Amino acid sequence: MKQRDKSTAQIIHEYGSDVTTYYLIAMLAILPLYYNNGYIDIADAKYKFYRGITIAFLVLAGVICFTAEKVFGRIFKEKVAGKGAEKGDGRKLTSYPIPIILIAAHLLFNMVTWLFSVDRDLSIVGNGSWHMGIISQGLILLAALLVYHYFEDKLLILIAFSIGAGLSSLFIILNGFDIYPLDMGKKFNLFTSTLGQTNWACIYLAVMMGVAMGMFIHEKGLLRRTIVVITQLFIFAGAWEIGSDTILLVMAGEFFVILGICIRERELMKRFSELLITFGISTSVVYLLIYHVFTGKFTFVDEYNDGPNKLLRTGVGFLILAAGILLYLVIYCTKNREWKAGIFKNIYRALVAIGAVLVIGTIAAIVITTNNPEKAGTLSGIGLFNFDVHWGNRRGANWKCAVMAFGRMPFFRQLIGMGQGCYEQYLNSFEDLRVIIESEFGEKALMTAHNEYLNMIVENGILGCFSYIGIIVSSFIIMWKKAAEDKHALMGLIAVTGYVVCSMFCFQHVYGTSFMYMFIAIAMA
């Protein structure tokens, strides 16, 4: 459409889309790589950079473009062209996707929590170096709403994603062999790449791995597909070297969910087999680098004793590669036969049911072993099933205290929470809980529950926690239904899957949580 044929609102909408593109480029390409003064205050540095670019985005795309678009749209009774026609003036609230409505509701509940916080000054910025107070929460949620309104798929966004995720993963790989090209220095062996502490890096990589997997399945253009494949190889390799057992759960969860999408069509399963081959190649290369090429030089985190490296030693990469090749050959050799989608879906449902039974069984075993070890038999000798204060790298103590603290809150506080960043302050107000934490963590300050949902139900209450869960669940359902046909839905679906796995053991921060919301918004757009 020529410029003179466009309405004023349409032109303004395009300016808003351009601003959104530049914002996404900065978020995807620069934020993951940004640091200041080496590893010192890397979280604070990223927070300040994120705050700066997001405020600029909200002013340009929100205050200026969105407001002007709506004002001119109403004055001249205009509607925005294309996808924006569905988002034109006079749109009813019920016509928005449920996750978008819940994001707005979660923003409202965050404001209520802050207004009634036990320490409003603390809740403005938040506790700890990640500063997840009302400022960050508001910026993340408002930015997601604007990305939903203005997003357009452009090659520059893919390139930015490849630069940020690819280089971050490359640095993880090099750091694993004590190579620091950015001269950041190995000041703390739990820090990696330009991403900081292992858990922070893991939650970022989980999201980006899911996004890359979604692109891998749906991208068709040669240039785009080449960029995605190369980036995916680096992300897989970085995931193996990150030194976190959580990444194994992420890999399993993301591959299982994407299998449930791809099993619906032959062409999608062919892409899935190619994804397995890529995963197998990357895994095998990491194994060869660690155990044959640079033998004895792998120095990161637990070195050879963490879960990923124990699994690598079994030669799992070659098994994955062989499985991918075999699946590809089977699909190719049966290309003239009817694809039994119904049968395959039933098999997948059976696997889901088996998985659910295993999860329920594991929880039951933990409850029995913890409360009646004499009845648990051999299970009582397995650390996984003994949920005590030492469980999960001492998360058992933290989670126990979080649940007890929530139970002691007045009903009003249970609804709205204690306030953003007030988890540590509230737990320390109880002598018995403080003693438990100090006995496990010593003098280290424990600022979060290391579980997003337990942390949120204490800080944001039932309203904040359940609106947050509602965003995740509703977006997952919508993206699951659309993922076989829609690239962005599949990207968001697998990204959210990886994020949720990490969120069980980690906490929110600006370059993990913001990306999760961002890809939900993109999928809904």
Protein backbone atom coordinates (compact mmCIF):
# COMPACT_ATOMS: atom_id res chain seq x y z
CA MET A 1 0.00 0.00 0.00
CA LYS A 2 1.37 3.41 -0.99
CA GLN A 3 1.97 5.95 1.75
CA ARG A 4 -0.67 8.35 0.41
CA ASP A 5 -3.27 5.56 0.41
CA LYS A 6 -2.78 4.86 4.10
CA SER A 7 -4.74 6.42 6.89
CA THR A 8 -3.01 8.48 9.57
CA ALA A 9 -3.55 5.71 12.13
CA GLN A 10 -2.00 3.15 9.77
CA ILE A 11 1.11 5.28 9.25
CA ILE A 12 1.49 5.81 13.00
CA HIS A 13 1.05 2.06 13.57
CA GLU A 14 3.91 1.38 11.16
CA TYR A 15 6.14 3.79 13.08
CA GLY A 16 5.22 1.90 16.25
CA SER A 17 6.13 -1.38 14.55
CA ASP A 18 9.52 0.03 13.55
CA VAL A 19 10.21 1.16 17.11
CA THR A 20 9.21 -2.30 18.34
CA THR A 21 11.62 -3.92 15.89
CA TYR A 22 14.50 -1.76 17.15
CA TYR A 23 13.56 -2.59 20.74
CA LEU A 24 13.52 -6.33 20.03
CA ILE A 25 16.92 -6.05 18.32
CA ALA A 26 18.36 -4.34 21.41
CA MET A 27 16.79 -6.90 23.71
CA LEU A 28 17.84 -9.96 21.72
CA ALA A 29 21.29 -8.90 20.49
CA ILE A 30 22.63 -6.52 23.14
CA LEU A 31 21.07 -7.32 26.54
CA PRO A 32 22.46 -10.91 26.78
CA LEU A 33 25.98 -9.67 25.91
CA TYR A 34 25.91 -6.49 27.97
CA TYR A 35 28.08 -6.30 31.08
CA ASN A 36 29.97 -3.67 33.01
CA ASN A 37 33.26 -4.11 34.86
CA GLY A 38 33.50 -7.86 34.30
CA TYR A 39 31.40 -10.06 36.54
CA ILE A 40 31.05 -7.38 39.21
CA ASP A 41 27.37 -6.44 39.54
CA ILE A 42 26.51 -8.04 36.19
CA ALA A 43 22.87 -8.37 37.27
CA ASP A 44 22.72 -4.70 38.24
CA ALA A 45 24.33 -3.72 34.93
CA LYS A 46 21.78 -5.69 32.91
CA TYR A 47 18.92 -4.30 34.97
CA LYS A 48 20.00 -0.71 34.29
CA PHE A 49 20.44 -1.39 30.57
CA TYR A 50 17.06 -3.16 30.40
CA ARG A 51 15.37 -0.34 32.32
CA GLY A 52 16.84 2.28 29.98
CA ILE A 53 15.87 0.68 26.68
CA THR A 54 12.44 -0.39 27.92
CA ILE A 55 11.53 3.05 29.25
CA ALA A 56 12.57 4.51 25.88
CA PHE A 57 10.44 1.88 24.12
CA LEU A 58 7.41 2.60 26.30
CA VAL A 59 7.71 6.34 25.67
CA LEU A 60 8.18 6.07 21.89
CA ALA A 61 5.87 3.13 21.10
CA GLY A 62 3.41 3.57 23.96
CA VAL A 63 3.06 7.19 24.99
CA ILE A 64 3.64 8.61 21.50
CA CYS A 65 2.70 6.05 18.82
CA PHE A 66 -0.05 4.09 20.60
CA THR A 67 -1.71 7.22 21.97
CA ALA A 68 -1.52 9.05 18.64
CA GLU A 69 -2.77 5.99 16.77
CA LYS A 70 -5.83 5.73 19.00
CA VAL A 71 -6.51 9.47 18.98
CA PHE A 72 -6.32 9.80 15.18
CA GLY A 73 -8.18 6.53 14.76
CA ARG A 74 -11.09 7.85 16.78
CA ILE A 75 -11.10 11.33 15.23
CA PHE A 76 -11.17 10.03 11.65
CA LYS A 77 -12.94 6.72 12.41
CA GLU A 78 -9.90 4.87 11.03
CA LYS A 79 -8.74 1.35 11.66
CA VAL A 80 -5.23 0.00 11.24
CA ALA A 81 -4.53 -2.15 8.18
CA GLY A 82 -3.69 -5.83 8.14
CA LYS A 83 -3.42 -7.55 11.49
CA GLY A 84 -4.00 -4.17 13.10
CA ALA A 85 -7.53 -4.15 11.70
CA GLU A 86 -8.36 -6.69 14.35
CA LYS A 87 -6.84 -4.37 16.94
CA GLY A 88 -8.62 -1.25 15.77
CA ASP A 89 -10.65 1.20 17.77
CA GLY A 90 -13.75 0.00 19.56
CA ARG A 91 -12.35 -3.47 20.18
CA LYS A 92 -14.12 -5.31 22.99
CA LEU A 93 -12.12 -6.63 25.92
CA THR A 94 -13.35 -10.18 25.29
CA SER A 95 -11.82 -10.14 21.79
CA TYR A 96 -8.29 -10.05 23.21
CA PRO A 97 -6.50 -13.37 23.82
CA ILE A 98 -6.89 -14.53 27.42
CA PRO A 99 -3.13 -14.32 28.13
CA ILE A 100 -3.10 -10.64 27.12
CA ILE A 101 -6.03 -9.92 29.44
CA LEU A 102 -4.26 -11.77 32.24
CA ILE A 103 -1.03 -9.84 31.64
CA ALA A 104 -3.02 -6.63 32.13
CA ALA A 105 -4.65 -8.13 35.25
CA HIS A 106 -1.28 -9.22 36.61
CA LEU A 107 -0.01 -5.66 36.12
CA LEU A 108 -3.00 -4.35 38.08
CA PHE A 109 -2.43 -6.85 40.90
CA ASN A 110 1.25 -5.85 41.01
CA MET A 111 0.19 -2.25 41.54
CA VAL A 112 -2.16 -3.28 44.37
CA THR A 113 0.63 -5.34 45.98
CA TRP A 114 3.00 -2.38 45.83
CA LEU A 115 0.42 0.06 47.25
CA PHE A 116 -0.11 -2.18 50.30
CA SER A 117 3.48 -3.44 50.59
CA VAL A 118 4.94 -3.72 54.09
CA ASP A 119 7.97 -1.87 52.72
CA ARG A 120 6.89 0.27 49.79
CA ASP A 121 10.34 1.77 49.26
CA LEU A 122 11.91 -1.69 48.97
CA SER A 123 9.13 -2.86 46.64
CA ILE A 124 9.78 -0.04 44.18
CA VAL A 125 13.11 -1.52 43.06
CA GLY A 126 13.05 -4.94 44.73
CA ASN A 127 15.51 -6.87 46.84
CA GLY A 128 18.85 -8.13 45.52
CA SER A 129 20.83 -7.23 42.44
CA TRP A 130 18.10 -8.21 39.98
CA HIS A 131 15.72 -5.52 41.27
CA MET A 132 12.45 -7.31 40.44
CA GLY A 133 10.28 -4.69 42.15
CA ILE A 134 7.28 -2.86 40.76
CA ILE A 135 9.48 -0.93 38.30
CA SER A 136 10.78 -4.07 36.60
CA GLN A 137 7.43 -5.86 36.81
CA GLY A 138 5.67 -2.88 35.28
CA LEU A 139 8.24 -2.46 32.50
CA ILE A 140 8.12 -6.17 31.60
CA LEU A 141 4.33 -6.36 31.49
CA LEU A 142 3.76 -3.06 29.65
CA ALA A 143 6.46 -3.93 27.11
CA ALA A 144 4.77 -7.28 26.47
CA LEU A 145 1.45 -5.55 25.77
CA LEU A 146 3.10 -3.18 23.27
CA VAL A 147 5.01 -6.00 21.57
CA TYR A 148 1.68 -7.80 21.17
CA HIS A 149 0.19 -4.73 19.51
CA TYR A 150 3.07 -3.80 17.20
CA PHE A 151 5.09 -6.94 16.42
CA GLU A 152 5.95 -7.76 12.80
CA ASP A 153 8.19 -10.66 11.78
CA LYS A 154 11.41 -9.29 10.21
CA LEU A 155 14.75 -10.82 9.26
CA LEU A 156 16.61 -8.29 11.44
CA ILE A 157 14.90 -9.73 14.53
CA LEU A 158 16.09 -13.24 13.61
CA ILE A 159 19.64 -11.95 13.08
CA ALA A 160 19.54 -10.18 16.47
CA PHE A 161 18.34 -13.39 18.11
CA SER A 162 21.17 -15.31 16.47
CA ILE A 163 23.79 -12.79 17.61
CA GLY A 164 22.63 -12.71 21.24
CA ALA A 165 21.86 -16.40 21.76
CA GLY A 166 24.65 -17.68 19.51
CA LEU A 167 27.46 -15.59 20.97
CA SER A 168 26.29 -16.15 24.55
CA SER A 169 26.37 -19.89 23.91
CA LEU A 170 29.80 -19.66 22.27
CA PHE A 171 31.13 -17.87 25.35
CA ILE A 172 29.67 -20.62 27.57
CA ILE A 173 31.54 -23.20 25.48
CA LEU A 174 34.83 -21.29 25.65
CA ASN A 175 34.43 -20.49 29.36
CA GLY A 176 34.10 -24.21 29.99
CA PHE A 177 37.72 -24.56 28.90
CA ASP A 178 38.85 -21.50 30.88
CA ILE A 179 38.92 -19.27 27.80
CA TYR A 180 37.55 -15.76 28.34
CA PRO A 181 37.74 -13.77 25.07
CA LEU A 182 36.06 -10.71 26.62
CA ASP A 183 38.72 -10.48 29.32
CA MET A 184 36.05 -10.74 31.99
CA GLY A 185 38.27 -12.86 34.20
CA LYS A 186 37.26 -15.99 36.10
CA LYS A 187 36.31 -14.22 39.30
CA PHE A 188 33.65 -16.72 40.34
CA ASN A 189 33.40 -20.23 38.92
CA LEU A 190 29.60 -20.28 39.02
CA PHE A 191 29.44 -17.43 36.49
CA THR A 192 29.45 -18.10 32.79
CA SER A 193 29.53 -16.19 29.51
CA THR A 194 28.03 -12.70 29.84
CA LEU A 195 24.99 -14.23 31.55
CA GLY A 196 26.17 -14.39 35.15
CA GLN A 197 25.37 -17.11 37.66
CA THR A 198 24.62 -20.60 36.35
CA ASN A 199 20.89 -20.51 37.20
CA TRP A 200 20.46 -17.16 35.47
CA ALA A 201 22.24 -18.43 32.38
CA CYS A 202 20.21 -21.63 32.43
CA ILE A 203 16.82 -19.88 32.41
CA TYR A 204 17.92 -17.60 29.55
CA LEU A 205 19.29 -20.49 27.52
CA ALA A 206 16.16 -22.56 28.17
CA VAL A 207 14.01 -19.85 26.58
CA MET A 208 16.34 -19.29 23.62
CA MET A 209 16.73 -23.01 23.00
CA GLY A 210 12.95 -23.31 22.81
CA VAL A 211 12.68 -20.36 20.43
CA ALA A 212 15.38 -21.82 18.16
CA MET A 213 13.67 -25.22 18.15
CA GLY A 214 10.39 -23.63 17.09
CA MET A 215 12.13 -21.76 14.28
CA PHE A 216 13.98 -24.92 13.23
CA ILE A 217 10.69 -26.75 12.64
CA HIS A 218 8.91 -24.02 10.68
CA GLU A 219 11.50 -21.87 8.89
CA LYS A 220 11.66 -22.64 5.15
CA GLY A 221 13.82 -19.95 3.51
CA LEU A 222 17.45 -20.99 2.93
CA LEU A 223 18.97 -17.90 4.60
CA ARG A 224 16.69 -17.99 7.62
CA ARG A 225 17.07 -21.74 8.03
CA THR A 226 20.87 -21.57 7.81
CA ILE A 227 20.98 -18.88 10.51
CA VAL A 228 18.70 -20.96 12.75
CA VAL A 229 20.65 -24.22 12.30
CA ILE A 230 24.00 -22.60 13.13
CA THR A 231 22.54 -20.82 16.16
CA GLN A 232 20.85 -24.02 17.31
CA LEU A 233 24.15 -25.94 17.20
CA PHE A 234 25.81 -23.38 19.49
CA ILE A 235 22.83 -23.26 21.87
CA PHE A 236 22.76 -27.06 22.25
CA ALA A 237 26.51 -27.15 22.88
CA GLY A 238 26.28 -24.31 25.40
CA ALA A 239 23.45 -26.08 27.20
CA TRP A 240 25.59 -29.18 27.72
CA GLU A 241 28.47 -27.13 29.12
CA ILE A 242 26.46 -24.82 31.34
CA GLY A 243 26.95 -27.03 34.38
CA SER A 244 23.33 -27.18 35.58
CA ASP A 245 21.34 -30.35 36.19
CA THR A 246 18.18 -28.32 35.49
CA ILE A 247 19.11 -28.06 31.81
CA LEU A 248 18.60 -31.83 31.46
CA LEU A 249 14.98 -31.41 32.57
CA VAL A 250 14.66 -28.48 30.16
CA MET A 251 15.95 -30.53 27.24
CA ALA A 252 13.65 -33.45 28.07
CA GLY A 253 10.62 -31.19 28.52
CA GLU A 254 11.16 -29.16 25.35
CA PHE A 255 11.80 -32.19 23.15
CA PHE A 256 8.77 -34.01 24.55
CA VAL A 257 6.45 -31.06 23.93
CA ILE A 258 7.75 -30.42 20.42
CA LEU A 259 7.30 -34.13 19.66
CA GLY A 260 3.63 -33.76 20.56
CA ILE A 261 3.30 -31.04 17.91
CA CYS A 262 5.38 -32.66 15.19
CA ILE A 263 3.73 -36.07 15.48
CA ARG A 264 0.62 -34.62 13.84
CA GLU A 265 2.13 -34.36 10.33
CA ARG A 266 4.75 -36.23 8.29
CA GLU A 267 6.62 -33.08 7.23
CA LEU A 268 6.81 -31.85 10.82
CA MET A 269 8.16 -35.23 11.95
CA LYS A 270 10.77 -35.02 9.22
CA ARG A 271 11.86 -31.66 10.65
CA PHE A 272 11.82 -33.22 14.12
CA SER A 273 14.19 -35.95 12.94
CA GLU A 274 16.49 -33.25 11.51
CA LEU A 275 16.34 -31.46 14.87
CA LEU A 276 17.37 -34.69 16.61
CA ILE A 277 20.28 -35.07 14.19
CA THR A 278 21.39 -31.50 14.92
CA PHE A 279 21.09 -32.16 18.65
CA GLY A 280 23.05 -35.39 18.29
CA ILE A 281 25.83 -33.70 16.32
CA SER A 282 26.17 -30.88 18.84
CA THR A 283 26.12 -33.30 21.79
CA SER A 284 28.72 -35.57 20.20
CA VAL A 285 31.03 -32.64 19.41
CA VAL A 286 30.86 -31.46 23.05
CA TYR A 287 31.67 -34.99 24.23
CA LEU A 288 34.69 -35.17 21.93
CA LEU A 289 35.91 -31.71 22.99
CA ILE A 290 35.68 -32.48 26.71
CA TYR A 291 36.89 -36.06 26.81
CA HIS A 292 39.22 -36.39 23.84
CA VAL A 293 40.40 -33.11 22.31
CA PHE A 294 40.86 -31.03 25.49
CA THR A 295 41.15 -33.86 27.99
CA GLY A 296 41.49 -32.59 31.56
CA LYS A 297 40.98 -28.95 30.61
CA PHE A 298 37.25 -28.71 31.26
CA THR A 299 37.14 -26.57 34.40
CA PHE A 300 33.63 -25.21 34.72
CA VAL A 301 31.45 -25.53 37.84
CA ASP A 302 31.40 -29.18 39.03
CA GLU A 303 33.76 -30.07 36.22
CA TYR A 304 33.07 -33.73 35.37
CA ASN A 305 30.60 -34.49 38.15
CA ASP A 306 27.43 -32.58 37.23
CA GLY A 307 24.47 -34.32 35.61
CA PRO A 308 25.07 -33.21 32.00
CA ASN A 309 28.66 -34.45 32.00
CA LYS A 310 27.76 -37.75 33.60
CA LEU A 311 25.25 -38.26 30.79
CA LEU A 312 27.76 -37.13 28.16
CA ARG A 313 30.18 -39.84 29.29
CA THR A 314 27.65 -42.51 28.30
CA GLY A 315 27.99 -41.49 24.66
CA VAL A 316 24.38 -40.28 24.57
CA GLY A 317 25.20 -37.89 21.72
CA PHE A 318 25.91 -40.74 19.33
CA LEU A 319 22.70 -42.49 20.40
CA ILE A 320 20.67 -39.31 19.74
CA LEU A 321 22.37 -38.90 16.36
CA ALA A 322 21.64 -42.52 15.41
CA ALA A 323 18.01 -42.16 16.55
CA GLY A 324 17.59 -39.00 14.45
CA ILE A 325 19.06 -40.63 11.35
CA LEU A 326 16.95 -43.76 11.81
CA LEU A 327 13.77 -41.72 12.24
CA TYR A 328 14.59 -39.68 9.14
CA LEU A 329 15.14 -42.86 7.08
CA VAL A 330 11.89 -44.39 8.29
CA ILE A 331 9.95 -41.25 7.37
CA TYR A 332 11.66 -41.08 3.98
CA CYS A 333 11.08 -44.75 3.15
CA THR A 334 7.40 -44.55 4.08
CA LYS A 335 6.72 -41.27 2.27
CA ASN A 336 4.13 -42.90 -0.02
CA ARG A 337 2.15 -44.36 2.86
CA GLU A 338 -0.67 -42.67 4.73
CA TRP A 339 0.44 -40.79 7.84
CA LYS A 340 -1.41 -42.37 10.77
CA ALA A 341 -1.78 -39.15 12.71
CA GLY A 342 -4.60 -40.49 14.87
CA ILE A 343 -2.61 -43.54 16.00
CA PHE A 344 0.49 -41.47 16.70
CA LYS A 345 -1.53 -38.96 18.73
CA ASN A 346 -2.94 -41.80 20.83
CA ILE A 347 0.57 -43.13 21.44
CA TYR A 348 1.66 -39.66 22.54
CA ARG A 349 -1.34 -39.35 24.86
CA ALA A 350 -0.38 -42.69 26.38
CA LEU A 351 3.16 -41.37 26.97
CA VAL A 352 1.69 -38.27 28.62
CA ALA A 353 -0.46 -40.48 30.87
CA ILE A 354 2.57 -42.62 31.79
CA GLY A 355 4.54 -39.46 32.55
CA ALA A 356 1.73 -38.15 34.74
CA VAL A 357 1.61 -41.44 36.65
CA LEU A 358 5.38 -41.32 37.17
CA VAL A 359 5.21 -37.75 38.47
CA ILE A 360 2.35 -38.58 40.83
CA GLY A 361 4.18 -41.73 41.92
CA THR A 362 7.36 -39.78 42.57
CA ILE A 363 5.49 -37.20 44.66
CA ALA A 364 3.76 -40.00 46.60
CA ALA A 365 7.13 -41.70 47.19
CA ILE A 366 8.61 -38.42 48.47
CA VAL A 367 5.69 -37.93 50.86
CA ILE A 368 5.90 -41.50 52.19
CA THR A 369 9.68 -41.49 52.49
CA THR A 370 9.77 -38.11 54.18
CA ASN A 371 7.00 -38.82 56.70
CA ASN A 372 7.38 -42.59 57.20
CA PRO A 373 10.90 -43.63 56.20
CA GLU A 374 10.48 -47.03 57.87
CA LYS A 375 7.70 -47.85 55.37
CA ALA A 376 9.66 -46.67 52.33
CA GLY A 377 12.12 -49.53 52.25
CA THR A 378 15.00 -49.00 49.83
CA LEU A 379 13.57 -45.64 48.74
CA SER A 380 14.63 -44.14 52.06
CA GLY A 381 18.24 -44.43 50.96
CA ILE A 382 17.71 -42.37 47.77
CA GLY A 383 18.26 -38.63 48.21
CA LEU A 384 15.60 -37.68 45.66
CA PHE A 385 12.84 -39.15 47.80
CA ASN A 386 13.97 -37.63 51.10
CA PHE A 387 12.46 -34.17 51.12
CA ASP A 388 14.32 -32.62 54.00
CA VAL A 389 16.14 -29.30 54.42
CA HIS A 390 19.04 -30.63 52.34
CA TRP A 391 16.88 -31.68 49.38
CA GLY A 392 17.61 -30.13 45.98
CA ASN A 393 20.83 -28.37 46.94
CA ARG A 394 19.12 -27.11 50.13
CA ARG A 395 16.02 -25.91 48.33
CA GLY A 396 14.08 -28.13 50.71
CA ALA A 397 14.83 -25.71 53.55
CA ASN A 398 13.88 -22.70 51.47
CA TRP A 399 10.63 -24.17 50.17
CA LYS A 400 9.62 -25.42 53.60
CA CYS A 401 10.12 -21.95 55.06
CA ALA A 402 8.19 -20.32 52.19
CA VAL A 403 5.17 -22.56 52.76
CA MET A 404 5.28 -22.01 56.53
CA ALA A 405 5.63 -18.25 56.06
CA PHE A 406 2.63 -18.08 53.72
CA GLY A 407 0.55 -20.08 56.19
CA ARG A 408 1.27 -17.49 58.89
CA MET A 409 0.17 -14.54 56.79
CA PRO A 410 -3.21 -12.87 57.57
CA PHE A 411 -5.87 -13.58 54.94
CA PHE A 412 -5.61 -10.08 53.48
CA ARG A 413 -1.86 -10.57 53.04
CA GLN A 414 -2.41 -14.01 51.54
CA LEU A 415 -4.53 -12.30 48.89
CA ILE A 416 -2.19 -9.43 47.96
CA GLY A 417 1.17 -10.53 49.36
CA MET A 418 3.80 -8.83 51.49
CA GLY A 419 5.21 -6.74 48.66
CA GLN A 420 7.76 -7.14 45.88
CA GLY A 421 11.19 -7.97 47.30
CA CYS A 422 9.90 -8.56 50.83
CA TYR A 423 10.45 -12.34 50.93
CA GLU A 424 13.71 -12.20 52.89
CA GLN A 425 12.45 -9.54 55.28
CA TYR A 426 9.26 -11.46 56.07
CA LEU A 427 10.97 -14.83 56.62
CA ASN A 428 13.55 -13.26 58.92
CA SER A 429 10.74 -11.86 61.07
CA PHE A 430 10.19 -15.42 62.36
CA GLU A 431 12.95 -16.73 64.61
CA ASP A 432 12.37 -20.42 63.82
CA LEU A 433 12.43 -19.83 60.05
CA ARG A 434 15.52 -17.66 60.31
CA VAL A 435 17.29 -20.40 62.26
CA ILE A 436 16.45 -23.00 59.57
CA ILE A 437 17.79 -20.76 56.81
CA GLU A 438 20.94 -19.84 58.72
CA SER A 439 21.64 -23.49 59.56
CA GLU A 440 21.67 -24.34 55.85
CA PHE A 441 23.00 -21.20 54.21
CA GLY A 442 25.09 -19.63 56.97
CA GLU A 443 25.62 -15.92 56.59
CA LYS A 444 24.53 -15.86 52.95
CA ALA A 445 21.46 -13.71 52.36
CA LEU A 446 18.59 -15.76 50.96
CA MET A 447 16.51 -13.23 49.08
CA THR A 448 14.11 -15.52 47.15
CA ALA A 449 12.45 -18.92 47.54
CA HIS A 450 14.28 -20.30 44.48
CA ASN A 451 10.87 -21.27 43.16
CA GLU A 452 8.96 -18.56 41.33
CA TYR A 453 5.52 -19.66 42.50
CA LEU A 454 6.40 -19.98 46.20
CA ASN A 455 8.25 -16.69 46.03
CA MET A 456 5.36 -14.97 44.27
CA ILE A 457 2.66 -16.26 46.57
CA VAL A 458 4.56 -14.75 49.53
CA GLU A 459 5.42 -11.46 47.80
CA ASN A 460 2.41 -11.00 45.46
CA GLY A 461 -0.22 -13.13 47.18
CA ILE A 462 -2.86 -15.37 45.67
CA LEU A 463 -4.04 -12.72 43.19
CA GLY A 464 -0.58 -12.07 41.79
CA CYS A 465 0.53 -15.70 41.81
CA PHE A 466 -2.57 -17.15 40.20
CA SER A 467 -2.83 -14.44 37.55
CA TYR A 468 0.79 -15.26 36.69
CA ILE A 469 0.05 -18.99 36.51
CA GLY A 470 -3.01 -18.13 34.43
CA ILE A 471 -0.83 -16.31 31.89
CA ILE A 472 1.41 -19.36 31.52
CA VAL A 473 -1.37 -21.98 31.40
CA SER A 474 -3.69 -20.08 29.03
CA SER A 475 -0.87 -19.16 26.66
CA PHE A 476 0.37 -22.77 26.66
CA ILE A 477 -3.10 -24.04 25.70
CA ILE A 478 -3.55 -21.48 22.91
CA MET A 479 -0.03 -21.99 21.52
CA TRP A 480 -0.41 -25.79 21.67
CA LYS A 481 -3.48 -25.58 19.43
CA LYS A 482 -1.77 -23.27 16.90
CA ALA A 483 1.80 -24.58 16.99
CA ALA A 484 1.57 -27.04 14.08
CA GLU A 485 0.73 -24.23 11.66
CA ASP A 486 2.15 -21.13 13.35
CA LYS A 487 5.91 -20.63 13.78
CA HIS A 488 5.56 -18.02 16.49
CA ALA A 489 3.13 -20.18 18.45
CA LEU A 490 5.62 -23.07 18.41
CA MET A 491 8.49 -20.76 19.38
CA GLY A 492 6.48 -19.43 22.31
CA LEU A 493 5.23 -22.87 23.33
CA ILE A 494 8.67 -24.45 23.63
CA ALA A 495 10.19 -21.29 25.18
CA VAL A 496 7.49 -21.27 27.88
CA THR A 497 8.04 -24.99 28.48
CA GLY A 498 11.74 -24.42 29.15
CA TYR A 499 11.05 -21.38 31.30
CA VAL A 500 8.49 -23.22 33.46
CA VAL A 501 10.95 -26.06 34.13
CA CYS A 502 13.58 -23.54 35.29
CA SER A 503 11.05 -21.52 37.27
CA MET A 504 10.53 -24.47 39.60
CA PHE A 505 14.09 -24.03 40.86
CA CYS A 506 14.99 -20.41 40.08
CA PHE A 507 13.62 -16.88 40.33
CA GLN A 508 12.63 -14.04 38.02
CA HIS A 509 15.14 -11.66 36.44
CA VAL A 510 15.04 -9.09 33.66
CA TYR A 511 16.69 -11.06 30.86
CA GLY A 512 14.89 -14.35 31.52
CA THR A 513 11.38 -13.36 32.55
CA SER A 514 11.17 -10.51 30.05
CA PHE A 515 11.94 -12.87 27.17
CA MET A 516 9.31 -15.36 28.31
CA TYR A 517 6.67 -12.62 28.26
CA MET A 518 8.02 -11.30 24.98
CA PHE A 519 7.60 -14.57 23.12
CA ILE A 520 4.13 -15.11 24.57
CA ALA A 521 3.18 -11.66 23.25
CA ILE A 522 4.69 -12.45 19.84
CA ALA A 523 2.78 -15.74 19.68
CA MET A 524 -0.49 -14.02 20.60
CA ALA A 525 0.12 -11.31 17.97
